[in-house]
N, C-alpha and C. Protein backbone atom coordinates (compact mmCIF):
# COMPACT_ATOMS: atom_id res chain seq x y z
N MET A 1 106.06 -47.30 -35.77
CA MET A 1 107.02 -47.08 -34.70
C MET A 1 106.30 -46.56 -33.47
N GLN A 2 106.79 -46.96 -32.33
CA GLN A 2 106.16 -46.55 -31.07
C GLN A 2 106.78 -45.25 -30.55
N VAL A 3 105.92 -44.39 -30.08
CA VAL A 3 106.38 -43.17 -29.41
C VAL A 3 106.89 -43.59 -28.03
N THR A 4 108.04 -43.05 -27.65
CA THR A 4 108.62 -43.35 -26.34
C THR A 4 108.86 -42.05 -25.59
N ALA A 5 109.12 -42.17 -24.30
CA ALA A 5 109.43 -40.99 -23.49
C ALA A 5 110.71 -40.32 -23.97
N THR A 6 111.67 -41.11 -24.42
CA THR A 6 112.92 -40.54 -24.96
C THR A 6 112.62 -39.68 -26.19
N LEU A 7 111.75 -40.18 -27.06
CA LEU A 7 111.40 -39.41 -28.25
C LEU A 7 110.65 -38.13 -27.90
N ILE A 8 109.80 -38.19 -26.88
CA ILE A 8 109.10 -36.99 -26.42
C ILE A 8 110.13 -35.96 -25.93
N ASN A 9 111.10 -36.43 -25.16
CA ASN A 9 112.17 -35.55 -24.66
C ASN A 9 112.92 -34.92 -25.84
N LEU A 10 113.38 -35.75 -26.76
CA LEU A 10 114.15 -35.25 -27.90
C LEU A 10 113.34 -34.31 -28.78
N TYR A 11 112.06 -34.56 -28.91
CA TYR A 11 111.15 -33.73 -29.71
C TYR A 11 111.18 -32.28 -29.25
N HIS A 12 111.40 -32.09 -27.95
CA HIS A 12 111.45 -30.74 -27.39
C HIS A 12 112.83 -30.08 -27.52
N ILE A 13 113.78 -30.85 -27.98
CA ILE A 13 115.14 -30.33 -28.14
C ILE A 13 115.47 -30.15 -29.62
N CYS A 14 115.28 -31.23 -30.40
CA CYS A 14 115.69 -31.20 -31.81
C CYS A 14 114.91 -32.25 -32.59
N LYS A 15 114.17 -31.79 -33.59
CA LYS A 15 113.36 -32.70 -34.41
C LYS A 15 114.26 -33.66 -35.20
N ARG A 16 115.42 -33.17 -35.64
CA ARG A 16 116.35 -34.02 -36.40
C ARG A 16 116.85 -35.18 -35.53
N GLU A 17 117.26 -34.88 -34.31
CA GLU A 17 117.74 -35.92 -33.41
C GLU A 17 116.62 -36.91 -33.10
N THR A 18 115.40 -36.40 -32.95
CA THR A 18 114.25 -37.27 -32.70
C THR A 18 114.09 -38.27 -33.85
N TRP A 19 114.12 -37.76 -35.07
CA TRP A 19 113.94 -38.61 -36.25
C TRP A 19 115.08 -39.63 -36.35
N LEU A 20 116.30 -39.17 -36.19
CA LEU A 20 117.46 -40.07 -36.28
C LEU A 20 117.40 -41.17 -35.22
N HIS A 21 117.08 -40.78 -33.99
CA HIS A 21 116.99 -41.75 -32.90
C HIS A 21 115.90 -42.79 -33.19
N ALA A 22 114.75 -42.32 -33.67
CA ALA A 22 113.64 -43.22 -33.98
C ALA A 22 114.00 -44.19 -35.11
N HIS A 23 114.87 -43.75 -36.01
CA HIS A 23 115.28 -44.59 -37.13
C HIS A 23 116.59 -45.33 -36.84
N GLU A 24 116.90 -45.43 -35.56
CA GLU A 24 118.02 -46.22 -35.05
C GLU A 24 119.40 -45.77 -35.52
N VAL A 25 119.51 -44.47 -35.77
CA VAL A 25 120.82 -43.86 -35.99
C VAL A 25 121.19 -43.32 -34.61
N ARG A 26 122.04 -44.04 -33.92
CA ARG A 26 122.35 -43.71 -32.53
C ARG A 26 123.80 -43.30 -32.39
N MET A 27 124.01 -42.18 -31.73
CA MET A 27 125.36 -41.66 -31.54
C MET A 27 125.71 -41.54 -30.05
N GLU A 28 124.78 -41.88 -29.18
CA GLU A 28 124.99 -41.68 -27.75
C GLU A 28 126.24 -42.39 -27.22
N HIS A 29 126.57 -43.52 -27.81
CA HIS A 29 127.74 -44.28 -27.35
C HIS A 29 129.06 -43.52 -27.55
N THR A 30 129.04 -42.46 -28.35
CA THR A 30 130.26 -41.69 -28.59
C THR A 30 130.35 -40.44 -27.71
N SER A 31 129.35 -40.22 -26.86
CA SER A 31 129.26 -38.96 -26.14
C SER A 31 129.66 -39.07 -24.67
N ASP A 32 130.64 -38.27 -24.28
CA ASP A 32 131.03 -38.19 -22.87
C ASP A 32 129.90 -37.58 -22.03
N THR A 33 129.14 -36.66 -22.62
CA THR A 33 128.04 -36.02 -21.90
C THR A 33 126.97 -37.05 -21.55
N VAL A 34 126.63 -37.92 -22.50
CA VAL A 34 125.64 -38.97 -22.25
C VAL A 34 126.17 -39.94 -21.20
N TYR A 35 127.44 -40.30 -21.31
CA TYR A 35 128.05 -41.21 -20.33
C TYR A 35 128.01 -40.61 -18.93
N GLU A 36 128.33 -39.33 -18.82
CA GLU A 36 128.31 -38.67 -17.51
C GLU A 36 126.90 -38.66 -16.94
N GLY A 37 125.90 -38.41 -17.77
CA GLY A 37 124.51 -38.44 -17.32
C GLY A 37 124.10 -39.80 -16.81
N LYS A 38 124.51 -40.85 -17.52
CA LYS A 38 124.21 -42.22 -17.07
C LYS A 38 124.89 -42.51 -15.75
N LEU A 39 126.13 -42.07 -15.62
CA LEU A 39 126.89 -42.29 -14.38
C LEU A 39 126.21 -41.60 -13.20
N ILE A 40 125.74 -40.38 -13.40
CA ILE A 40 125.03 -39.66 -12.34
C ILE A 40 123.76 -40.41 -11.97
N GLY A 41 123.03 -40.88 -12.97
CA GLY A 41 121.81 -41.65 -12.71
C GLY A 41 122.06 -42.93 -11.94
N GLU A 42 123.19 -43.58 -12.21
CA GLU A 42 123.51 -44.85 -11.56
C GLU A 42 124.13 -44.69 -10.18
N THR A 43 124.76 -43.56 -9.91
CA THR A 43 125.50 -43.42 -8.66
C THR A 43 124.84 -42.52 -7.62
N THR A 44 123.80 -41.80 -7.99
CA THR A 44 123.12 -40.96 -7.01
C THR A 44 121.85 -41.67 -6.54
N TYR A 45 121.47 -41.40 -5.35
CA TYR A 45 120.24 -41.96 -4.77
C TYR A 45 120.21 -43.48 -4.86
N GLN A 46 121.33 -44.12 -4.57
CA GLN A 46 121.43 -45.57 -4.70
C GLN A 46 120.47 -46.33 -3.79
N GLN A 47 120.11 -45.75 -2.65
CA GLN A 47 119.20 -46.42 -1.73
C GLN A 47 117.79 -46.55 -2.31
N ARG A 48 117.47 -45.79 -3.32
CA ARG A 48 116.13 -45.84 -3.91
C ARG A 48 115.80 -47.19 -4.52
N ALA A 49 116.78 -47.86 -5.07
CA ALA A 49 116.53 -49.15 -5.70
C ALA A 49 115.92 -50.14 -4.70
N GLU A 50 116.23 -49.96 -3.44
CA GLU A 50 115.68 -50.84 -2.41
C GLU A 50 114.24 -50.48 -2.06
N ARG A 51 113.90 -49.19 -2.13
CA ARG A 51 112.59 -48.72 -1.68
C ARG A 51 111.57 -48.56 -2.80
N TYR A 52 112.02 -48.26 -4.00
CA TYR A 52 111.10 -47.93 -5.07
C TYR A 52 111.16 -48.96 -6.20
N THR A 53 110.16 -48.93 -7.03
CA THR A 53 110.00 -49.89 -8.11
C THR A 53 110.50 -49.32 -9.43
N GLN A 54 111.05 -50.18 -10.25
CA GLN A 54 111.33 -49.80 -11.63
C GLN A 54 110.09 -50.20 -12.43
N LEU A 55 109.64 -49.32 -13.29
CA LEU A 55 108.40 -49.54 -14.00
C LEU A 55 108.63 -49.35 -15.49
N GLU A 56 108.19 -50.32 -16.29
CA GLU A 56 108.39 -50.25 -17.73
C GLU A 56 107.11 -50.70 -18.43
N MET A 57 106.60 -49.83 -19.32
CA MET A 57 105.41 -50.15 -20.12
C MET A 57 105.27 -49.15 -21.25
N GLU A 58 104.71 -49.57 -22.34
CA GLU A 58 104.34 -48.69 -23.46
C GLU A 58 105.35 -47.60 -23.79
N GLY A 59 106.60 -47.92 -23.91
CA GLY A 59 107.58 -46.92 -24.31
C GLY A 59 108.12 -46.04 -23.20
N ILE A 60 107.81 -46.38 -21.96
CA ILE A 60 108.39 -45.62 -20.85
C ILE A 60 109.14 -46.59 -19.95
N LYS A 61 110.17 -46.06 -19.32
CA LYS A 61 110.94 -46.83 -18.35
C LYS A 61 111.29 -45.87 -17.22
N ILE A 62 110.61 -46.05 -16.11
CA ILE A 62 110.82 -45.19 -14.94
C ILE A 62 111.73 -45.95 -13.99
N ASP A 63 112.88 -45.36 -13.70
CA ASP A 63 113.85 -46.04 -12.83
C ASP A 63 113.37 -46.11 -11.39
N PHE A 64 112.77 -45.03 -10.90
CA PHE A 64 112.32 -45.00 -9.51
C PHE A 64 110.89 -44.49 -9.43
N PHE A 65 109.97 -45.40 -9.08
CA PHE A 65 108.57 -45.03 -8.92
C PHE A 65 108.13 -45.43 -7.52
N ASP A 66 107.71 -44.46 -6.74
CA ASP A 66 107.17 -44.71 -5.41
C ASP A 66 105.68 -44.99 -5.59
N ALA A 67 105.34 -46.28 -5.66
CA ALA A 67 103.96 -46.68 -5.95
C ALA A 67 103.00 -46.27 -4.84
N LYS A 68 103.47 -46.27 -3.62
CA LYS A 68 102.61 -45.92 -2.49
C LYS A 68 102.20 -44.44 -2.55
N ALA A 69 103.16 -43.56 -2.78
CA ALA A 69 102.88 -42.12 -2.85
C ALA A 69 102.57 -41.65 -4.28
N LYS A 70 102.71 -42.56 -5.25
CA LYS A 70 102.50 -42.24 -6.67
C LYS A 70 103.41 -41.10 -7.14
N VAL A 71 104.71 -41.26 -6.85
CA VAL A 71 105.69 -40.24 -7.22
C VAL A 71 106.76 -40.85 -8.13
N ILE A 72 106.97 -40.19 -9.26
CA ILE A 72 108.02 -40.56 -10.20
C ILE A 72 109.25 -39.75 -9.83
N HIS A 73 110.40 -40.41 -9.77
CA HIS A 73 111.67 -39.71 -9.51
C HIS A 73 112.51 -39.80 -10.78
N GLU A 74 112.87 -38.67 -11.33
CA GLU A 74 113.68 -38.62 -12.56
C GLU A 74 114.92 -37.80 -12.28
N THR A 75 116.08 -38.40 -12.50
CA THR A 75 117.36 -37.74 -12.24
C THR A 75 117.99 -37.32 -13.56
N LYS A 76 118.45 -36.09 -13.61
CA LYS A 76 119.08 -35.54 -14.81
C LYS A 76 120.39 -34.86 -14.44
N LYS A 77 121.29 -34.80 -15.41
CA LYS A 77 122.61 -34.21 -15.19
C LYS A 77 122.56 -32.69 -15.08
N SER A 78 121.81 -32.05 -15.97
CA SER A 78 121.80 -30.60 -16.07
C SER A 78 120.38 -30.13 -16.35
N ASP A 79 120.11 -28.88 -16.06
CA ASP A 79 118.78 -28.34 -16.34
C ASP A 79 118.74 -27.54 -17.64
N LYS A 80 119.76 -27.70 -18.49
CA LYS A 80 119.80 -26.96 -19.76
C LYS A 80 118.59 -27.26 -20.63
N ALA A 81 118.09 -28.47 -20.56
CA ALA A 81 116.93 -28.88 -21.37
C ALA A 81 115.74 -29.17 -20.45
N GLU A 82 115.56 -28.33 -19.47
CA GLU A 82 114.54 -28.58 -18.44
C GLU A 82 113.15 -28.76 -19.02
N GLN A 83 112.77 -27.99 -20.02
CA GLN A 83 111.44 -28.14 -20.61
C GLN A 83 111.27 -29.52 -21.24
N ALA A 84 112.33 -30.04 -21.83
CA ALA A 84 112.29 -31.39 -22.40
C ALA A 84 112.17 -32.43 -21.29
N HIS A 85 112.83 -32.20 -20.17
CA HIS A 85 112.74 -33.12 -19.03
C HIS A 85 111.32 -33.13 -18.48
N ILE A 86 110.72 -31.95 -18.37
CA ILE A 86 109.35 -31.85 -17.88
C ILE A 86 108.41 -32.59 -18.84
N ALA A 87 108.62 -32.41 -20.14
CA ALA A 87 107.79 -33.10 -21.13
C ALA A 87 107.93 -34.62 -21.00
N GLN A 88 109.14 -35.10 -20.77
CA GLN A 88 109.37 -36.53 -20.61
C GLN A 88 108.60 -37.05 -19.40
N VAL A 89 108.67 -36.35 -18.29
CA VAL A 89 107.97 -36.76 -17.07
C VAL A 89 106.46 -36.67 -17.26
N ARG A 90 106.02 -35.63 -17.95
CA ARG A 90 104.58 -35.51 -18.25
C ARG A 90 104.12 -36.72 -19.08
N TYR A 91 104.95 -37.17 -20.00
CA TYR A 91 104.61 -38.35 -20.80
C TYR A 91 104.54 -39.59 -19.92
N TYR A 92 105.46 -39.72 -18.97
CA TYR A 92 105.37 -40.83 -18.01
C TYR A 92 104.00 -40.81 -17.33
N GLN A 93 103.62 -39.64 -16.83
CA GLN A 93 102.34 -39.51 -16.13
C GLN A 93 101.18 -39.88 -17.05
N TYR A 94 101.24 -39.45 -18.28
CA TYR A 94 100.19 -39.69 -19.27
C TYR A 94 100.04 -41.20 -19.54
N VAL A 95 101.15 -41.87 -19.74
CA VAL A 95 101.11 -43.31 -20.01
C VAL A 95 100.65 -44.07 -18.77
N LEU A 96 101.12 -43.67 -17.61
CA LEU A 96 100.66 -44.32 -16.38
C LEU A 96 99.15 -44.18 -16.23
N GLU A 97 98.64 -42.98 -16.47
CA GLU A 97 97.20 -42.73 -16.37
C GLU A 97 96.43 -43.57 -17.37
N ARG A 98 96.96 -43.67 -18.57
CA ARG A 98 96.32 -44.48 -19.62
C ARG A 98 96.26 -45.96 -19.21
N ASN A 99 97.14 -46.35 -18.30
CA ASN A 99 97.19 -47.72 -17.82
C ASN A 99 96.62 -47.88 -16.41
N GLY A 100 95.81 -46.92 -15.99
CA GLY A 100 95.08 -47.05 -14.74
C GLY A 100 95.77 -46.53 -13.50
N ILE A 101 96.90 -45.85 -13.65
CA ILE A 101 97.61 -45.29 -12.49
C ILE A 101 97.50 -43.77 -12.58
N ALA A 102 96.43 -43.22 -12.04
CA ALA A 102 96.16 -41.78 -12.13
C ALA A 102 96.67 -41.04 -10.90
N GLY A 103 96.80 -39.73 -11.05
CA GLY A 103 97.16 -38.87 -9.92
C GLY A 103 98.62 -38.90 -9.52
N THR A 104 99.49 -39.26 -10.46
CA THR A 104 100.92 -39.29 -10.12
C THR A 104 101.50 -37.89 -10.18
N SER A 105 102.49 -37.66 -9.34
CA SER A 105 103.30 -36.45 -9.42
C SER A 105 104.73 -36.91 -9.71
N ALA A 106 105.61 -35.95 -9.89
CA ALA A 106 106.99 -36.32 -10.19
C ALA A 106 107.94 -35.33 -9.56
N ILE A 107 109.15 -35.80 -9.36
CA ILE A 107 110.22 -34.94 -8.87
C ILE A 107 111.38 -35.06 -9.85
N LEU A 108 111.70 -33.94 -10.49
CA LEU A 108 112.89 -33.86 -11.34
C LEU A 108 114.05 -33.48 -10.44
N GLU A 109 115.11 -34.24 -10.50
CA GLU A 109 116.25 -33.99 -9.60
C GLU A 109 117.52 -33.76 -10.42
N TYR A 110 118.21 -32.71 -10.05
CA TYR A 110 119.47 -32.34 -10.67
C TYR A 110 120.53 -32.36 -9.56
N PRO A 111 121.10 -33.53 -9.26
CA PRO A 111 122.01 -33.64 -8.12
C PRO A 111 123.23 -32.74 -8.18
N LYS A 112 123.81 -32.56 -9.37
CA LYS A 112 124.99 -31.70 -9.49
C LYS A 112 124.66 -30.25 -9.17
N LEU A 113 123.42 -29.85 -9.42
CA LEU A 113 123.00 -28.48 -9.17
C LEU A 113 122.33 -28.33 -7.80
N ARG A 114 122.10 -29.48 -7.15
CA ARG A 114 121.37 -29.50 -5.88
C ARG A 114 120.02 -28.81 -6.02
N LYS A 115 119.34 -29.19 -7.08
CA LYS A 115 118.07 -28.58 -7.42
C LYS A 115 117.03 -29.68 -7.67
N THR A 116 115.80 -29.44 -7.23
CA THR A 116 114.69 -30.33 -7.54
C THR A 116 113.51 -29.49 -8.02
N GLU A 117 112.67 -30.13 -8.81
CA GLU A 117 111.46 -29.46 -9.27
C GLU A 117 110.30 -30.44 -9.16
N LEU A 118 109.25 -30.01 -8.49
CA LEU A 118 108.05 -30.83 -8.33
C LEU A 118 107.15 -30.63 -9.54
N ILE A 119 106.71 -31.72 -10.11
CA ILE A 119 105.78 -31.70 -11.24
C ILE A 119 104.45 -32.25 -10.71
N PRO A 120 103.42 -31.41 -10.65
CA PRO A 120 102.14 -31.86 -10.08
C PRO A 120 101.41 -32.84 -11.00
N PRO A 121 100.34 -33.46 -10.51
CA PRO A 121 99.55 -34.35 -11.36
C PRO A 121 99.04 -33.64 -12.61
N LEU A 122 98.73 -34.43 -13.63
CA LEU A 122 98.24 -33.88 -14.89
C LEU A 122 96.89 -33.19 -14.72
N THR A 123 96.76 -32.08 -15.42
CA THR A 123 95.47 -31.41 -15.53
C THR A 123 94.87 -31.80 -16.89
N HIS A 124 93.65 -31.39 -17.12
CA HIS A 124 93.01 -31.66 -18.41
C HIS A 124 93.83 -31.01 -19.54
N ALA A 125 94.27 -29.78 -19.31
CA ALA A 125 95.08 -29.08 -20.32
C ALA A 125 96.40 -29.82 -20.58
N ASP A 126 97.02 -30.36 -19.52
CA ASP A 126 98.26 -31.13 -19.69
C ASP A 126 98.02 -32.36 -20.56
N ARG A 127 96.91 -33.06 -20.31
CA ARG A 127 96.59 -34.26 -21.09
C ARG A 127 96.45 -33.93 -22.58
N LEU A 128 95.77 -32.84 -22.86
CA LEU A 128 95.60 -32.42 -24.26
C LEU A 128 96.95 -32.08 -24.90
N GLN A 129 97.80 -31.40 -24.13
CA GLN A 129 99.12 -31.02 -24.63
C GLN A 129 99.99 -32.25 -24.90
N VAL A 130 99.99 -33.20 -23.97
CA VAL A 130 100.80 -34.41 -24.14
C VAL A 130 100.29 -35.22 -25.33
N ALA A 131 98.98 -35.28 -25.51
CA ALA A 131 98.41 -35.98 -26.67
C ALA A 131 98.89 -35.33 -27.97
N GLU A 132 98.99 -34.02 -27.99
CA GLU A 132 99.50 -33.31 -29.17
C GLU A 132 100.98 -33.63 -29.41
N TRP A 133 101.76 -33.68 -28.34
CA TRP A 133 103.18 -34.05 -28.49
C TRP A 133 103.29 -35.45 -29.08
N GLU A 134 102.48 -36.36 -28.55
CA GLU A 134 102.53 -37.74 -29.01
C GLU A 134 102.20 -37.81 -30.51
N LYS A 135 101.17 -37.08 -30.94
CA LYS A 135 100.80 -37.04 -32.36
C LYS A 135 101.93 -36.41 -33.18
N GLY A 136 102.51 -35.33 -32.67
CA GLY A 136 103.61 -34.66 -33.38
C GLY A 136 104.80 -35.56 -33.58
N VAL A 137 105.16 -36.31 -32.54
CA VAL A 137 106.28 -37.25 -32.64
C VAL A 137 105.94 -38.34 -33.66
N GLN A 138 104.72 -38.86 -33.60
CA GLN A 138 104.32 -39.92 -34.53
C GLN A 138 104.41 -39.46 -35.97
N VAL A 139 103.92 -38.26 -36.27
CA VAL A 139 104.00 -37.71 -37.63
C VAL A 139 105.46 -37.54 -38.03
N LEU A 140 106.27 -37.00 -37.14
CA LEU A 140 107.69 -36.76 -37.43
C LEU A 140 108.42 -38.06 -37.75
N ILE A 141 108.25 -39.08 -36.92
CA ILE A 141 109.03 -40.30 -37.11
C ILE A 141 108.52 -41.14 -38.28
N GLU A 142 107.27 -40.90 -38.70
CA GLU A 142 106.75 -41.60 -39.87
C GLU A 142 107.15 -40.92 -41.18
N SER A 143 107.72 -39.73 -41.08
CA SER A 143 108.17 -39.01 -42.26
C SER A 143 109.31 -39.79 -42.93
N ARG A 144 109.35 -39.73 -44.24
CA ARG A 144 110.39 -40.45 -44.98
C ARG A 144 111.71 -39.70 -44.99
N THR A 145 111.67 -38.41 -44.67
CA THR A 145 112.90 -37.62 -44.73
C THR A 145 113.28 -37.07 -43.36
N CYS A 146 114.56 -37.01 -43.17
CA CYS A 146 115.11 -36.48 -41.92
C CYS A 146 114.98 -34.95 -41.94
N PRO A 147 114.54 -34.36 -40.85
CA PRO A 147 114.45 -32.89 -40.78
C PRO A 147 115.83 -32.25 -40.92
N PRO A 148 115.87 -31.00 -41.37
CA PRO A 148 117.16 -30.31 -41.49
C PRO A 148 117.76 -30.05 -40.12
N ARG A 149 119.06 -29.86 -40.08
CA ARG A 149 119.70 -29.56 -38.81
C ARG A 149 119.32 -28.15 -38.36
N ILE A 150 119.43 -27.94 -37.08
CA ILE A 150 119.17 -26.63 -36.50
C ILE A 150 120.49 -26.11 -35.94
N LYS A 151 120.53 -24.86 -35.65
CA LYS A 151 121.73 -24.30 -35.01
C LYS A 151 121.31 -23.70 -33.68
N LYS A 152 121.62 -24.44 -32.62
CA LYS A 152 121.33 -24.00 -31.26
C LYS A 152 122.61 -24.13 -30.45
N SER A 153 122.65 -23.46 -29.33
CA SER A 153 123.84 -23.58 -28.47
C SER A 153 123.99 -25.01 -27.95
N LEU A 154 122.89 -25.73 -27.81
CA LEU A 154 122.96 -27.12 -27.34
C LEU A 154 123.66 -28.04 -28.33
N CYS A 155 123.71 -27.66 -29.59
CA CYS A 155 124.28 -28.53 -30.63
C CYS A 155 125.72 -28.95 -30.32
N LYS A 156 126.50 -28.04 -29.77
CA LYS A 156 127.92 -28.34 -29.53
C LYS A 156 128.14 -29.48 -28.53
N SER A 157 127.18 -29.71 -27.64
CA SER A 157 127.34 -30.80 -26.68
C SER A 157 126.50 -32.02 -27.05
N CYS A 158 125.87 -31.99 -28.23
CA CYS A 158 125.02 -33.08 -28.67
C CYS A 158 125.86 -34.24 -29.22
N SER A 159 125.41 -35.46 -28.95
CA SER A 159 126.14 -36.63 -29.45
C SER A 159 126.07 -36.74 -30.98
N TYR A 160 125.16 -36.03 -31.62
CA TYR A 160 125.02 -36.04 -33.08
C TYR A 160 125.77 -34.88 -33.75
N TYR A 161 126.49 -34.10 -32.98
CA TYR A 161 127.13 -32.89 -33.52
C TYR A 161 127.97 -33.19 -34.76
N GLU A 162 128.87 -34.14 -34.68
CA GLU A 162 129.74 -34.45 -35.82
C GLU A 162 128.93 -34.99 -36.99
N PHE A 163 127.92 -35.77 -36.69
CA PHE A 163 127.05 -36.30 -37.74
C PHE A 163 126.39 -35.15 -38.52
N CYS A 164 125.90 -34.16 -37.81
CA CYS A 164 125.20 -33.05 -38.44
C CYS A 164 126.13 -32.04 -39.13
N TYR A 165 127.33 -31.87 -38.59
CA TYR A 165 128.20 -30.79 -39.07
C TYR A 165 129.46 -31.26 -39.76
N VAL A 166 129.59 -32.52 -40.10
CA VAL A 166 130.81 -33.05 -40.68
C VAL A 166 131.13 -32.35 -42.01
N ALA A 167 130.16 -32.00 -42.80
CA ALA A 167 130.40 -31.37 -44.10
C ALA A 167 130.98 -29.96 -43.95
N GLU A 168 130.76 -29.32 -42.82
CA GLU A 168 131.26 -27.95 -42.62
C GLU A 168 132.73 -27.92 -42.25
N ALA A 169 133.33 -29.06 -41.93
CA ALA A 169 134.73 -29.09 -41.54
C ALA A 169 135.66 -28.93 -42.73
N GLU A 170 135.13 -29.06 -43.92
CA GLU A 170 135.98 -28.99 -45.13
C GLU A 170 136.43 -27.58 -45.42
């Protein structure tokens, strides 16, 4: 199985969701939160599609890449999982660099919060860290068993919530 930017993101939130997603157990279609995030991504910064490139390679899909300035633009609904968002963008940078596009930076944008965060180019330490994440995801998704559920505040808004907690409703 191929490691993707989505799996890197999920790896920083929940190992169980990462494993389920990698094994094609998908619940996103049932989630209003996921739908709202997609809607924000599709309806904000609409002029970018004219100016920037969509880039897809090796498990990453960047909706808006400014090739001239080497800037990745990533739009998110909320900053609740900001570290996971940063990890996802770092993985974009890592894969781009592996494919000959070095020195990229990124802008994480949270339009509802009117907040942006600049992610600088990768350092040597960042490259080592991303390589470790990639190995960790690979080991996790190659496992024959699904990790146990966790109990975090994020669980209640997760699209897998009912899947993970259905037995507790009895």
